[in-house]
């Protein structure tokens, strides 16, 4: 890059860009390393927000699947009381709610 020249060898590859730091800790990372690896297109907070978005997707998808399973379980119970012959048709929402949970896990 066009940054300042360092005389000591760097503990990372200068070509890395938002790919993790390996054994480099926050104490050894200085301003030149940050300026060279994180620019305007890839801020230093990008990995944090990426992982938080993935965690939020997983959490909310599974909360929605649990809620859907609970509500359809109540429906199956009431179906068993009022229309016992239609219980197998009422299992479809449980399968769909499970599919939402699996989809959220894949994402």
PDB file of N, CA and C in Angstrom:
ATOM      1  N   UNK A   1       0.795  -1.188   0.000  1.00  0.00           N
ATOM      2  CA  UNK A   1       0.000   0.000   0.000  1.00  0.00           C
ATOM      3  C   UNK A   1       0.835   1.248   0.000  1.00  0.00           C
ATOM      4  N   UNK A   2       0.198   2.345   0.196  1.00  0.00           N
ATOM      5  CA  UNK A   2       0.877   3.635   0.220  1.00  0.00           C
ATOM      6  C   UNK A   2       1.149   4.090   1.641  1.00  0.00           C
ATOM      7  N   UNK A   3       0.929   3.240   2.618  1.00  0.00           N
ATOM      8  CA  UNK A   3       1.122   3.590   4.020  1.00  0.00           C
ATOM      9  C   UNK A   3       2.588   3.700   4.375  1.00  0.00           C
ATOM     10  N   UNK A   4       2.860   3.982   5.647  1.00  0.00           N
ATOM     11  CA  UNK A   4       4.250   4.133   6.081  1.00  0.00           C
ATOM     12  C   UNK A   4       4.988   2.809   6.012  1.00  0.00           C
ATOM     13  N   UNK A   5       6.286   2.873   5.752  1.00  0.00           N
ATOM     14  CA  UNK A   5       7.121   1.680   5.676  1.00  0.00           C
ATOM     15  C   UNK A   5       7.512   1.244   7.081  1.00  0.00           C
ATOM     16  N   UNK A   6       7.344  -0.028   7.373  1.00  0.00           N
ATOM     17  CA  UNK A   6       7.703  -0.583   8.673  1.00  0.00           C
ATOM     18  C   UNK A   6       8.962  -1.422   8.507  1.00  0.00           C
ATOM     19  N   UNK A   7       9.875  -1.322   9.456  1.00  0.00           N
ATOM     20  CA  UNK A   7      11.128  -2.058   9.340  1.00  0.00           C
ATOM     21  C   UNK A   7      11.026  -3.471   9.888  1.00  0.00           C
ATOM     22  N   UNK A   8      10.103  -3.732  10.802  1.00  0.00           N
ATOM     23  CA  UNK A   8       9.960  -5.078  11.363  1.00  0.00           C
ATOM     24  C   UNK A   8       8.987  -5.877  10.514  1.00  0.00           C
ATOM     25  N   UNK A   9       9.163  -7.201  10.433  1.00  0.00           N
ATOM     26  CA  UNK A   9       8.203  -8.000   9.652  1.00  0.00           C
ATOM     27  C   UNK A   9       6.837  -8.005  10.315  1.00  0.00           C
ATOM     28  N   UNK A  10       5.822  -7.977   9.508  1.00  0.00           N
ATOM     29  CA  UNK A  10       4.460  -7.930  10.019  1.00  0.00           C
ATOM     30  C   UNK A  10       3.963  -9.335  10.359  1.00  0.00           C
ATOM     31  N   UNK A  11       3.160  -9.475  11.431  1.00  0.00           N
ATOM     32  CA  UNK A  11       2.643 -10.793  11.802  1.00  0.00           C
ATOM     33  C   UNK A  11       1.423 -11.208  10.978  1.00  0.00           C
ATOM     34  N   UNK A  12       1.148 -10.549   9.880  1.00  0.00           N
ATOM     35  CA  UNK A  12       0.000 -10.865   9.038  1.00  0.00           C
ATOM     36  C   UNK A  12       0.367 -10.552   7.597  1.00  0.00           C
ATOM     37  N   UNK A  13      -0.432 -11.039   6.702  1.00  0.00           N
ATOM     38  CA  UNK A  13      -0.217 -10.749   5.291  1.00  0.00           C
ATOM     39  C   UNK A  13      -0.848  -9.412   4.948  1.00  0.00           C
ATOM     40  N   UNK A  14      -0.143  -8.511   4.278  1.00  0.00           N
ATOM     41  CA  UNK A  14      -0.736  -7.217   3.932  1.00  0.00           C
ATOM     42  C   UNK A  14      -1.906  -7.336   2.975  1.00  0.00           C
ATOM     43  N   UNK A  15      -2.074  -8.483   2.335  1.00  0.00           N
ATOM     44  CA  UNK A  15      -3.165  -8.660   1.387  1.00  0.00           C
ATOM     45  C   UNK A  15      -4.464  -9.065   2.070  1.00  0.00           C
ATOM     46  N   UNK A  16      -4.432  -9.350   3.365  1.00  0.00           N
ATOM     47  CA  UNK A  16      -5.650  -9.744   4.070  1.00  0.00           C
ATOM     48  C   UNK A  16      -6.626  -8.576   4.092  1.00  0.00           C
ATOM     49  N   UNK A  17      -7.883  -8.896   3.989  1.00  0.00           N
ATOM     50  CA  UNK A  17      -8.898  -7.873   4.062  1.00  0.00           C
ATOM     51  C   UNK A  17     -10.141  -8.483   4.681  1.00  0.00           C
ATOM     52  N   UNK A  18     -10.421  -8.151   5.911  1.00  0.00           N
ATOM     53  CA  UNK A  18     -11.585  -8.656   6.651  1.00  0.00           C
ATOM     54  C   UNK A  18     -11.609 -10.176   6.707  1.00  0.00           C
ATOM     55  N   UNK A  19     -10.487 -10.829   6.863  1.00  0.00           N
ATOM     56  CA  UNK A  19     -10.468 -12.285   6.893  1.00  0.00           C
ATOM     57  C   UNK A  19     -10.002 -12.821   8.229  1.00  0.00           C
ATOM     58  N   UNK A  20     -10.030 -12.065   9.266  1.00  0.00           N
ATOM     59  CA  UNK A  20      -9.585 -12.525  10.567  1.00  0.00           C
ATOM     60  C   UNK A  20      -8.123 -12.206  10.783  1.00  0.00           C
ATOM     61  N   UNK A  21      -7.703 -12.241  12.020  1.00  0.00           N
ATOM     62  CA  UNK A  21      -6.359 -11.812  12.357  1.00  0.00           C
ATOM     63  C   UNK A  21      -5.474 -12.939  12.831  1.00  0.00           C
ATOM     64  N   UNK A  22      -5.984 -14.138  13.013  1.00  0.00           N
ATOM     65  CA  UNK A  22      -5.141 -15.237  13.453  1.00  0.00           C
ATOM     66  C   UNK A  22      -4.635 -15.007  14.858  1.00  0.00           C
ATOM     67  N   UNK A  23      -3.306 -14.971  15.034  1.00  0.00           N
ATOM     68  CA  UNK A  23      -2.724 -14.818  16.361  1.00  0.00           C
ATOM     69  C   UNK A  23      -2.491 -13.368  16.742  1.00  0.00           C
ATOM     70  N   UNK A  24      -2.878 -12.430  15.903  1.00  0.00           N
ATOM     71  CA  UNK A  24      -2.673 -11.017  16.216  1.00  0.00           C
ATOM     72  C   UNK A  24      -3.728 -10.599  17.228  1.00  0.00           C
ATOM     73  N   UNK A  25      -3.302 -10.030  18.331  1.00  0.00           N
ATOM     74  CA  UNK A  25      -4.238  -9.572  19.356  1.00  0.00           C
ATOM     75  C   UNK A  25      -4.487  -8.084  19.202  1.00  0.00           C
ATOM     76  N   UNK A  26      -5.423  -7.580  19.973  1.00  0.00           N
ATOM     77  CA  UNK A  26      -5.763  -6.166  19.891  1.00  0.00           C
ATOM     78  C   UNK A  26      -4.601  -5.288  20.347  1.00  0.00           C
ATOM     79  N   UNK A  27      -3.739  -5.792  21.207  1.00  0.00           N
ATOM     80  CA  UNK A  27      -2.614  -4.991  21.685  1.00  0.00           C
ATOM     81  C   UNK A  27      -1.546  -4.823  20.618  1.00  0.00           C
ATOM     82  N   UNK A  28      -1.353  -5.840  19.787  1.00  0.00           N
ATOM     83  CA  UNK A  28      -0.310  -5.743  18.772  1.00  0.00           C
ATOM     84  C   UNK A  28      -0.789  -5.056  17.505  1.00  0.00           C
ATOM     85  N   UNK A  29      -2.090  -4.841  17.391  1.00  0.00           N
ATOM     86  CA  UNK A  29      -2.607  -4.195  16.199  1.00  0.00           C
ATOM     87  C   UNK A  29      -2.472  -2.680  16.364  1.00  0.00           C
ATOM     88  N   UNK A  30      -1.733  -2.036  15.501  1.00  0.00           N
ATOM     89  CA  UNK A  30      -1.554  -0.595  15.603  1.00  0.00           C
ATOM     90  C   UNK A  30      -2.316   0.124  14.500  1.00  0.00           C
ATOM     91  N   UNK A  31      -2.183   1.429  14.462  1.00  0.00           N
ATOM     92  CA  UNK A  31      -2.960   2.229  13.516  1.00  0.00           C
ATOM     93  C   UNK A  31      -2.590   1.926  12.074  1.00  0.00           C
ATOM     94  N   UNK A  32      -1.330   1.590  11.817  1.00  0.00           N
ATOM     95  CA  UNK A  32      -0.925   1.283  10.442  1.00  0.00           C
ATOM     96  C   UNK A  32      -1.584   0.001   9.957  1.00  0.00           C
ATOM     97  N   UNK A  33      -1.697  -0.998  10.840  1.00  0.00           N
ATOM     98  CA  UNK A  33      -2.348  -2.253  10.455  1.00  0.00           C
ATOM     99  C   UNK A  33      -3.831  -2.030  10.180  1.00  0.00           C
ATOM    100  N   UNK A  34      -4.460  -1.237  11.018  1.00  0.00           N
ATOM    101  CA  UNK A  34      -5.885  -0.966  10.820  1.00  0.00           C
ATOM    102  C   UNK A  34      -6.098  -0.203   9.528  1.00  0.00           C
ATOM    103  N   UNK A  35      -5.282   0.806   9.271  1.00  0.00           N
ATOM    104  CA  UNK A  35      -5.443   1.608   8.062  1.00  0.00           C
ATOM    105  C   UNK A  35      -5.178   0.790   6.812  1.00  0.00           C
ATOM    106  N   UNK A  36      -4.274  -0.175   6.903  1.00  0.00           N
ATOM    107  CA  UNK A  36      -3.940  -0.960   5.721  1.00  0.00           C
ATOM    108  C   UNK A  36      -4.972  -2.052   5.441  1.00  0.00           C
ATOM    109  N   UNK A  37      -5.569  -2.609   6.475  1.00  0.00           N
ATOM    110  CA  UNK A  37      -6.480  -3.730   6.287  1.00  0.00           C
ATOM    111  C   UNK A  37      -7.950  -3.341   6.272  1.00  0.00           C
ATOM    112  N   UNK A  38      -8.320  -2.302   6.960  1.00  0.00           N
ATOM    113  CA  UNK A  38      -9.710  -1.874   6.988  1.00  0.00           C
ATOM    114  C   UNK A  38      -9.786  -0.487   6.402  1.00  0.00           C
ATOM    115  N   UNK A  39     -10.568  -0.357   5.373  1.00  0.00           N
ATOM    116  CA  UNK A  39     -10.722   0.949   4.748  1.00  0.00           C
ATOM    117  C   UNK A  39     -12.146   1.430   4.891  1.00  0.00           C
ATOM    118  N   UNK A  40     -12.512   2.324   4.028  1.00  0.00           N
ATOM    119  CA  UNK A  40     -13.871   2.855   4.066  1.00  0.00           C
ATOM    120  C   UNK A  40     -14.889   1.800   3.654  1.00  0.00           C
ATOM    121  N   UNK A  41     -14.498   0.907   2.748  1.00  0.00           N
ATOM    122  CA  UNK A  41     -15.415  -0.131   2.275  1.00  0.00           C
ATOM    123  C   UNK A  41     -15.540  -1.280   3.267  1.00  0.00           C
ATOM    124  N   UNK A  42     -14.593  -1.426   4.164  1.00  0.00           N
ATOM    125  CA  UNK A  42     -14.607  -2.522   5.128  1.00  0.00           C
ATOM    126  C   UNK A  42     -14.192  -1.990   6.495  1.00  0.00           C
ATOM    127  N   UNK A  43     -15.118  -1.391   7.248  1.00  0.00           N
ATOM    128  CA  UNK A  43     -14.747  -0.815   8.543  1.00  0.00           C
ATOM    129  C   UNK A  43     -14.396  -1.901   9.561  1.00  0.00           C
ATOM    130  N   UNK A  44     -13.737  -1.506  10.623  1.00  0.00           N
ATOM    131  CA  UNK A  44     -13.308  -2.453  11.650  1.00  0.00           C
ATOM    132  C   UNK A  44     -14.484  -3.097  12.362  1.00  0.00           C
ATOM    133  N   UNK A  45     -15.648  -2.484  12.326  1.00  0.00           N
ATOM    134  CA  UNK A  45     -16.819  -3.041  13.002  1.00  0.00           C
ATOM    135  C   UNK A  45     -17.594  -4.031  12.132  1.00  0.00           C
ATOM    136  N   UNK A  46     -17.141  -4.269  10.902  1.00  0.00           N
ATOM    137  CA  UNK A  46     -17.863  -5.148   9.982  1.00  0.00           C
ATOM    138  C   UNK A  46     -18.014  -6.575  10.509  1.00  0.00           C
ATOM    139  N   UNK A  47     -16.973  -7.219  11.047  1.00  0.00           N
ATOM    140  CA  UNK A  47     -17.173  -8.584  11.560  1.00  0.00           C
ATOM    141  C   UNK A  47     -18.164  -8.638  12.713  1.00  0.00           C
ATOM    142  N   UNK A  48     -18.132  -7.622  13.584  1.00  0.00           N
ATOM    143  CA  UNK A  48     -19.075  -7.602  14.711  1.00  0.00           C
ATOM    144  C   UNK A  48     -20.519  -7.573  14.226  1.00  0.00           C
ATOM    145  N   UNK A  49     -20.819  -6.644  13.318  1.00  0.00           N
ATOM    146  CA  UNK A  49     -22.193  -6.530  12.837  1.00  0.00           C
ATOM    147  C   UNK A  49     -22.590  -7.730  11.980  1.00  0.00           C
ATOM    148  N   UNK A  50     -21.640  -8.331  11.284  1.00  0.00           N
ATOM    149  CA  UNK A  50     -21.937  -9.539  10.523  1.00  0.00           C
ATOM    150  C   UNK A  50     -22.342 -10.691  11.417  1.00  0.00           C
ATOM    151  N   UNK A  51     -21.554 -10.928  12.472  1.00  0.00           N
ATOM    152  CA  UNK A  51     -21.880 -12.016  13.392  1.00  0.00           C
ATOM    153  C   UNK A  51     -23.138 -11.721  14.198  1.00  0.00           C
ATOM    154  N   UNK A  52     -23.365 -10.466  14.549  1.00  0.00           N
ATOM    155  CA  UNK A  52     -24.587 -10.125  15.285  1.00  0.00           C
ATOM    156  C   UNK A  52     -25.824 -10.306  14.405  1.00  0.00           C
ATOM    157  N   UNK A  53     -25.708 -10.004  13.116  1.00  0.00           N
ATOM    158  CA  UNK A  53     -26.832 -10.235  12.207  1.00  0.00           C
ATOM    159  C   UNK A  53     -27.139 -11.712  12.051  1.00  0.00           C
ATOM    160  N   UNK A  54     -26.090 -12.528  11.946  1.00  0.00           N
ATOM    161  CA  UNK A  54     -26.299 -13.972  11.840  1.00  0.00           C
ATOM    162  C   UNK A  54     -26.911 -14.527  13.117  1.00  0.00           C
ATOM    163  N   UNK A  55     -26.450 -14.035  14.262  1.00  0.00           N
ATOM    164  CA  UNK A  55     -27.007 -14.494  15.539  1.00  0.00           C
ATOM    165  C   UNK A  55     -28.468 -14.077  15.677  1.00  0.00           C
ATOM    166  N   UNK A  56     -28.791 -12.844  15.283  1.00  0.00           N
ATOM    167  CA  UNK A  56     -30.177 -12.378  15.365  1.00  0.00           C
ATOM    168  C   UNK A  56     -31.084 -13.196  14.445  1.00  0.00           C
ATOM    169  N   UNK A  57     -30.604 -13.526  13.247  1.00  0.00           N
ATOM    170  CA  UNK A  57     -31.409 -14.340  12.330  1.00  0.00           C
ATOM    171  C   UNK A  57     -31.685 -15.712  12.927  1.00  0.00           C
ATOM    172  N   UNK A  58     -30.670 -16.314  13.520  1.00  0.00           N
ATOM    173  CA  UNK A  58     -30.843 -17.632  14.125  1.00  0.00           C
ATOM    174  C   UNK A  58     -31.797 -17.575  15.312  1.00  0.00           C
ATOM    175  N   UNK A  59     -31.624 -16.582  16.165  1.00  0.00           N
ATOM    176  CA  UNK A  59     -32.466 -16.466  17.369  1.00  0.00           C
ATOM    177  C   UNK A  59     -33.919 -16.218  16.997  1.00  0.00           C
ATOM    178  N   UNK A  60     -34.164 -15.231  16.119  1.00  0.00           N
ATOM    179  CA  UNK A  60     -35.549 -14.887  15.809  1.00  0.00           C
ATOM    180  C   UNK A  60     -36.241 -15.967  14.971  1.00  0.00           C
ATOM    181  N   UNK A  61     -35.506 -16.653  14.113  1.00  0.00           N
ATOM    182  CA  UNK A  61     -36.115 -17.739  13.346  1.00  0.00           C
ATOM    183  C   UNK A  61     -36.541 -18.872  14.273  1.00  0.00           C
ATOM    184  N   UNK A  62     -35.709 -19.195  15.251  1.00  0.00           N
ATOM    185  CA  UNK A  62     -36.071 -20.281  16.157  1.00  0.00           C
ATOM    186  C   UNK A  62     -37.133 -19.868  17.165  1.00  0.00           C
ATOM    187  N   UNK A  63     -37.155 -18.592  17.554  1.00  0.00           N
ATOM    188  CA  UNK A  63     -38.259 -18.127  18.393  1.00  0.00           C
ATOM    189  C   UNK A  63     -39.584 -18.192  17.631  1.00  0.00           C
ATOM    190  N   UNK A  64     -39.559 -17.805  16.367  1.00  0.00           N
ATOM    191  CA  UNK A  64     -40.769 -17.898  15.549  1.00  0.00           C
ATOM    192  C   UNK A  64     -41.212 -19.329  15.332  1.00  0.00           C
ATOM    193  N   UNK A  65     -40.251 -20.235  15.140  1.00  0.00           N
ATOM    194  CA  UNK A  65     -40.597 -21.645  14.974  1.00  0.00           C
ATOM    195  C   UNK A  65     -41.188 -22.218  16.259  1.00  0.00           C
ATOM    196  N   UNK A  66     -40.635 -21.833  17.402  1.00  0.00           N
ATOM    197  CA  UNK A  66     -41.171 -22.313  18.682  1.00  0.00           C
ATOM    198  C   UNK A  66     -42.584 -21.781  18.919  1.00  0.00           C
ATOM    199  N   UNK A  67     -42.798 -20.508  18.589  1.00  0.00           N
ATOM    200  CA  UNK A  67     -44.128 -19.925  18.748  1.00  0.00           C
ATOM    201  C   UNK A  67     -45.133 -20.597  17.815  1.00  0.00           C
ATOM    202  N   UNK A  68     -44.721 -20.821  16.571  1.00  0.00           N
ATOM    203  CA  UNK A  68     -45.615 -21.487  15.619  1.00  0.00           C
ATOM    204  C   UNK A  68     -45.930 -22.913  16.032  1.00  0.00           C
ATOM    205  N   UNK A  69     -44.944 -23.616  16.557  1.00  0.00           N
ATOM    206  CA  UNK A  69     -45.185 -24.988  17.023  1.00  0.00           C
ATOM    207  C   UNK A  69     -46.134 -24.996  18.203  1.00  0.00           C
ATOM    208  N   UNK A  70     -45.976 -24.054  19.123  1.00  0.00           N
ATOM    209  CA  UNK A  70     -46.856 -23.990  20.295  1.00  0.00           C
ATOM    210  C   UNK A  70     -48.295 -23.665  19.890  1.00  0.00           C
ATOM    211  N   UNK A  71     -48.453 -22.688  19.005  1.00  0.00           N
ATOM    212  CA  UNK A  71     -49.809 -22.319  18.586  1.00  0.00           C
ATOM    213  C   UNK A  71     -50.484 -23.448  17.804  1.00  0.00           C
ATOM    214  N   UNK A  72     -49.711 -24.121  16.943  1.00  0.00           N
ATOM    215  CA  UNK A  72     -50.324 -25.212  16.189  1.00  0.00           C
ATOM    216  C   UNK A  72     -50.553 -26.424  17.078  1.00  0.00           C
ATOM    217  N   UNK A  73     -49.765 -26.587  18.141  1.00  0.00           N
ATOM    218  CA  UNK A  73     -50.033 -27.656  19.111  1.00  0.00           C
ATOM    219  C   UNK A  73     -51.347 -27.443  19.828  1.00  0.00           C
ATOM    220  N   UNK A  74     -51.648 -26.196  20.175  1.00  0.00           N
ATOM    221  CA  UNK A  74     -52.951 -25.881  20.779  1.00  0.00           C
ATOM    222  C   UNK A  74     -54.063 -26.174  19.791  1.00  0.00           C
ATOM    223  N   UNK A  75     -53.834 -25.870  18.525  1.00  0.00           N
ATOM    224  CA  UNK A  75     -54.842 -26.159  17.491  1.00  0.00           C
ATOM    225  C   UNK A  75     -55.067 -27.651  17.320  1.00  0.00           C
ATOM    226  N   UNK A  76     -53.991 -28.438  17.408  1.00  0.00           N
ATOM    227  CA  UNK A  76     -54.137 -29.893  17.298  1.00  0.00           C
ATOM    228  C   UNK A  76     -54.948 -30.434  18.472  1.00  0.00           C
ATOM    229  N   UNK A  77     -54.692 -29.901  19.654  1.00  0.00           N
ATOM    230  CA  UNK A  77     -55.459 -30.353  20.834  1.00  0.00           C
ATOM    231  C   UNK A  77     -56.940 -30.035  20.689  1.00  0.00           C
ATOM    232  N   UNK A  78     -57.251 -28.830  20.224  1.00  0.00           N
ATOM    233  CA  UNK A  78     -58.669 -28.489  20.070  1.00  0.00           C
ATOM    234  C   UNK A  78     -59.293 -29.267  18.910  1.00  0.00           C
ATOM    235  N   UNK A  79     -58.490 -29.591  17.899  1.00  0.00           N
ATOM    236  CA  UNK A  79     -58.989 -30.397  16.781  1.00  0.00           C
ATOM    237  C   UNK A  79     -59.304 -31.816  17.261  1.00  0.00           C
ATOM    238  N   UNK A  80     -58.490 -32.333  18.164  1.00  0.00           N
ATOM    239  CA  UNK A  80     -58.741 -33.672  18.705  1.00  0.00           C
ATOM    240  C   UNK A  80     -60.035 -33.745  19.490  1.00  0.00           C
ATOM    241  N   UNK A  81     -60.428 -32.636  20.097  1.00  0.00           N
ATOM    242  CA  UNK A  81     -61.675 -32.608  20.872  1.00  0.00           C
ATOM    243  C   UNK A  81     -62.876 -32.418  19.953  1.00  0.00           C
ATOM    244  N   UNK A  82     -62.756 -31.480  18.998  1.00  0.00           N
ATOM    245  CA  UNK A  82     -63.921 -31.142  18.172  1.00  0.00           C
ATOM    246  C   UNK A  82     -64.068 -32.014  16.929  1.00  0.00           C
ATOM    247  N   UNK A  83     -62.971 -32.300  16.232  1.00  0.00           N
ATOM    248  CA  UNK A  83     -63.013 -33.089  14.999  1.00  0.00           C
ATOM    249  C   UNK A  83     -61.878 -34.119  15.002  1.00  0.00           C
ATOM    250  N   UNK A  84     -62.070 -35.242  15.671  1.00  0.00           N
ATOM    251  CA  UNK A  84     -60.969 -36.210  15.794  1.00  0.00           C
ATOM    252  C   UNK A  84     -60.482 -36.771  14.447  1.00  0.00           C
ATOM    253  N   UNK A  85     -61.311 -36.774  13.446  1.00  0.00           N
ATOM    254  CA  UNK A  85     -60.915 -37.331  12.161  1.00  0.00           C
ATOM    255  C   UNK A  85     -59.965 -36.432  11.371  1.00  0.00           C
ATOM    256  N   UNK A  86     -59.823 -35.194  11.762  1.00  0.00           N
ATOM    257  CA  UNK A  86     -58.994 -34.247  11.019  1.00  0.00           C
ATOM    258  C   UNK A  86     -57.645 -33.953  11.688  1.00  0.00           C
ATOM    259  N   UNK A  87     -57.248 -34.787  12.642  1.00  0.00           N
ATOM    260  CA  UNK A  87     -55.997 -34.518  13.365  1.00  0.00           C
ATOM    261  C   UNK A  87     -54.792 -34.601  12.435  1.00  0.00           C
ATOM    262  N   UNK A  88     -54.767 -35.540  11.515  1.00  0.00           N
ATOM    263  CA  UNK A  88     -53.603 -35.680  10.629  1.00  0.00           C
ATOM    264  C   UNK A  88     -53.438 -34.470   9.713  1.00  0.00           C
ATOM    265  N   UNK A  89     -54.537 -33.828   9.330  1.00  0.00           N
ATOM    266  CA  UNK A  89     -54.430 -32.618   8.517  1.00  0.00           C
ATOM    267  C   UNK A  89     -53.869 -31.452   9.325  1.00  0.00           C
ATOM    268  N   UNK A  90     -54.081 -31.466  10.630  1.00  0.00           N
ATOM    269  CA  UNK A  90     -53.614 -30.347  11.453  1.00  0.00           C
ATOM    270  C   UNK A  90     -52.142 -30.484  11.840  1.00  0.00           C
ATOM    271  N   UNK A  91     -51.465 -31.522  11.389  1.00  0.00           N
ATOM    272  CA  UNK A  91     -50.032 -31.663  11.663  1.00  0.00           C
ATOM    273  C   UNK A  91     -49.213 -30.816  10.685  1.00  0.00           C
ATOM    274  N   UNK A  92     -49.792 -30.419   9.576  1.00  0.00           N
ATOM    275  CA  UNK A  92     -49.075 -29.641   8.562  1.00  0.00           C
ATOM    276  C   UNK A  92     -48.484 -28.339   9.139  1.00  0.00           C
ATOM    277  N   UNK A  93     -49.205 -27.565   9.953  1.00  0.00           N
ATOM    278  CA  UNK A  93     -48.580 -26.346  10.509  1.00  0.00           C
ATOM    279  C   UNK A  93     -47.378 -26.630  11.406  1.00  0.00           C
ATOM    280  N   UNK A  94     -47.357 -27.755  12.085  1.00  0.00           N
ATOM    281  CA  UNK A  94     -46.204 -28.110  12.910  1.00  0.00           C
ATOM    282  C   UNK A  94     -44.984 -28.346  12.022  1.00  0.00           C
ATOM    283  N   UNK A  95     -45.196 -29.037  10.920  1.00  0.00           N
ATOM    284  CA  UNK A  95     -44.099 -29.292   9.985  1.00  0.00           C
ATOM    285  C   UNK A  95     -43.603 -27.978   9.380  1.00  0.00           C
ATOM    286  N   UNK A  96     -44.522 -27.088   9.035  1.00  0.00           N
ATOM    287  CA  UNK A  96     -44.124 -25.795   8.475  1.00  0.00           C
ATOM    288  C   UNK A  96     -43.347 -24.958   9.483  1.00  0.00           C
ATOM    289  N   UNK A  97     -43.765 -24.970  10.745  1.00  0.00           N
ATOM    290  CA  UNK A  97     -43.036 -24.218  11.769  1.00  0.00           C
ATOM    291  C   UNK A  97     -41.641 -24.801  11.969  1.00  0.00           C
ATOM    292  N   UNK A  98     -41.511 -26.111  11.911  1.00  0.00           N
ATOM    293  CA  UNK A  98     -40.190 -26.729  11.987  1.00  0.00           C
ATOM    294  C   UNK A  98     -39.331 -26.352  10.801  1.00  0.00           C
ATOM    295  N   UNK A  99     -39.943 -26.233   9.646  1.00  0.00           N
ATOM    296  CA  UNK A  99     -39.213 -25.804   8.453  1.00  0.00           C
ATOM    297  C   UNK A  99     -38.678 -24.392   8.591  1.00  0.00           C
ATOM    298  N   UNK A 100     -39.427 -23.507   9.240  1.00  0.00           N
ATOM    299  CA  UNK A 100     -38.950 -22.144   9.483  1.00  0.00           C
ATOM    300  C   UNK A 100     -37.715 -22.177  10.383  1.00  0.00           C
ATOM    301  N   UNK A 101     -37.735 -23.030  11.410  1.00  0.00           N
ATOM    302  CA  UNK A 101     -36.576 -23.143  12.301  1.00  0.00           C
ATOM    303  C   UNK A 101     -35.353 -23.668  11.579  1.00  0.00           C
ATOM    304  N   UNK A 102     -35.532 -24.665  10.742  1.00  0.00           N
ATOM    305  CA  UNK A 102     -34.404 -25.224   9.988  1.00  0.00           C
ATOM    306  C   UNK A 102     -33.881 -24.208   8.985  1.00  0.00           C
ATOM    307  N   UNK A 103     -34.775 -23.470   8.339  1.00  0.00           N
ATOM    308  CA  UNK A 103     -34.356 -22.436   7.393  1.00  0.00           C
ATOM    309  C   UNK A 103     -33.544 -21.354   8.085  1.00  0.00           C
ATOM    310  N   UNK A 104     -33.984 -20.956   9.270  1.00  0.00           N
ATOM    311  CA  UNK A 104     -33.225 -19.961  10.041  1.00  0.00           C
ATOM    312  C   UNK A 104     -31.869 -20.484  10.449  1.00  0.00           C
ATOM    313  N   UNK A 105     -31.760 -21.773  10.741  1.00  0.00           N
ATOM    314  CA  UNK A 105     -30.474 -22.356  11.109  1.00  0.00           C
ATOM    315  C   UNK A 105     -29.531 -22.391   9.907  1.00  0.00           C
ATOM    316  N   UNK A 106     -30.079 -22.642   8.727  1.00  0.00           N
ATOM    317  CA  UNK A 106     -29.259 -22.688   7.513  1.00  0.00           C
ATOM    318  C   UNK A 106     -28.740 -21.290   7.173  1.00  0.00           C
ATOM    319  N   UNK A 107     -29.582 -20.306   7.307  1.00  0.00           N
ATOM    320  CA  UNK A 107     -29.191 -18.919   6.994  1.00  0.00           C
ATOM    321  C   UNK A 107     -28.128 -18.482   7.959  1.00  0.00           C
TER     322      UNK A 107
END
